[in-house]
Amino acid sequence: MSGKPSLQEIEEAEKKPLWQRLGWLAGIWAGSVLALFIVASLMRMFMNAAGLTTH
């Protein structure tokens, strides 16, 4: 196995309904936005704890 999907696997993936493929896209996007929010919030919390404030 070279790790590359076969033509048959690609064709099977394309047969999935559009709503299901868009659902995966939206889920992955929402997960990445949530992860970014968590990281930014933690950085802000640590910066505030260190005495670095914007006002």
C-alpha atoms as a PDB file:
ATOM      1  CA  MET A   1       0.000   0.000   0.000  1.00  0.00           C
ATOM      2  CA  SER A   2       1.451   3.326  -1.039  1.00  0.00           C
ATOM      3  CA  GLY A   3      -1.024   5.397   0.967  1.00  0.00           C
ATOM      4  CA  LYS A   4      -2.651   6.786  -2.164  1.00  0.00           C
ATOM      5  CA  PRO A   5      -6.387   6.151  -2.560  1.00  0.00           C
ATOM      6  CA  SER A   6      -7.382   3.948  -5.453  1.00  0.00           C
ATOM      7  CA  LEU A   7      -9.679   5.121  -8.230  1.00  0.00           C
ATOM      8  CA  GLN A   8     -12.459   2.939  -6.829  1.00  0.00           C
ATOM      9  CA  GLU A   9     -12.165   4.576  -3.390  1.00  0.00           C
ATOM     10  CA  ILE A  10     -12.302   8.032  -4.956  1.00  0.00           C
ATOM     11  CA  GLU A  11     -15.406   7.139  -6.969  1.00  0.00           C
ATOM     12  CA  GLU A  12     -17.111   5.750  -3.851  1.00  0.00           C
ATOM     13  CA  ALA A  13     -16.340   8.962  -1.939  1.00  0.00           C
ATOM     14  CA  GLU A  14     -17.824  11.051  -4.749  1.00  0.00           C
ATOM     15  CA  LYS A  15     -21.043   9.041  -4.591  1.00  0.00           C
ATOM     16  CA  LYS A  16     -21.761  10.269  -1.051  1.00  0.00           C
ATOM     17  CA  PRO A  17     -24.530  12.876  -0.843  1.00  0.00           C
ATOM     18  CA  LEU A  18     -23.545  16.513  -1.138  1.00  0.00           C
ATOM     19  CA  TRP A  19     -25.068  17.365   2.243  1.00  0.00           C
ATOM     20  CA  GLN A  20     -22.860  14.736   3.892  1.00  0.00           C
ATOM     21  CA  ARG A  21     -19.686  16.038   2.260  1.00  0.00           C
ATOM     22  CA  LEU A  22     -20.606  19.631   3.140  1.00  0.00           C
ATOM     23  CA  GLY A  23     -21.380  18.495   6.684  1.00  0.00           C
ATOM     24  CA  TRP A  24     -17.860  17.116   7.048  1.00  0.00           C
ATOM     25  CA  LEU A  25     -16.427  20.342   5.651  1.00  0.00           C
ATOM     26  CA  ALA A  26     -18.468  22.446   8.085  1.00  0.00           C
ATOM     27  CA  GLY A  27     -17.557  20.173  11.006  1.00  0.00           C
ATOM     28  CA  ILE A  28     -13.836  20.356  10.292  1.00  0.00           C
ATOM     29  CA  TRP A  29     -14.034  24.142   9.849  1.00  0.00           C
ATOM     30  CA  ALA A  30     -15.981  24.566  13.114  1.00  0.00           C
ATOM     31  CA  GLY A  31     -13.484  22.352  14.930  1.00  0.00           C
ATOM     32  CA  SER A  32     -10.547  24.409  13.687  1.00  0.00           C
ATOM     33  CA  VAL A  33     -12.234  27.672  14.687  1.00  0.00           C
ATOM     34  CA  LEU A  34     -12.964  26.257  18.148  1.00  0.00           C
ATOM     35  CA  ALA A  35      -9.358  25.087  18.535  1.00  0.00           C
ATOM     36  CA  LEU A  36      -8.073  28.537  17.536  1.00  0.00           C
ATOM     37  CA  PHE A  37     -10.445  30.176  20.041  1.00  0.00           C
ATOM     38  CA  ILE A  38      -9.214  27.895  22.843  1.00  0.00           C
ATOM     39  CA  VAL A  39      -5.544  28.565  22.077  1.00  0.00           C
ATOM     40  CA  ALA A  40      -6.117  32.329  21.846  1.00  0.00           C
ATOM     41  CA  SER A  41      -8.082  32.330  25.113  1.00  0.00           C
ATOM     42  CA  LEU A  42      -5.323  30.416  26.903  1.00  0.00           C
ATOM     43  CA  MET A  43      -2.685  32.821  25.583  1.00  0.00           C
ATOM     44  CA  ARG A  44      -4.757  35.792  26.711  1.00  0.00           C
ATOM     45  CA  MET A  45      -5.264  34.233  30.155  1.00  0.00           C
ATOM     46  CA  PHE A  46      -1.516  33.634  30.583  1.00  0.00           C
ATOM     47  CA  MET A  47      -0.677  37.140  29.368  1.00  0.00           C
ATOM     48  CA  ASN A  48      -3.154  38.672  31.826  1.00  0.00           C
ATOM     49  CA  ALA A  49      -1.719  36.535  34.635  1.00  0.00           C
ATOM     50  CA  ALA A  50       1.747  37.865  33.759  1.00  0.00           C
ATOM     51  CA  GLY A  51       0.502  41.451  34.038  1.00  0.00           C
ATOM     52  CA  LEU A  52       0.287  42.192  30.327  1.00  0.00           C
ATOM     53  CA  THR A  53      -2.974  44.062  29.711  1.00  0.00           C
ATOM     54  CA  THR A  54      -4.223  46.219  26.860  1.00  0.00           C
ATOM     55  CA  HIS A  55      -5.760  48.896  29.072  1.00  0.00           C
END
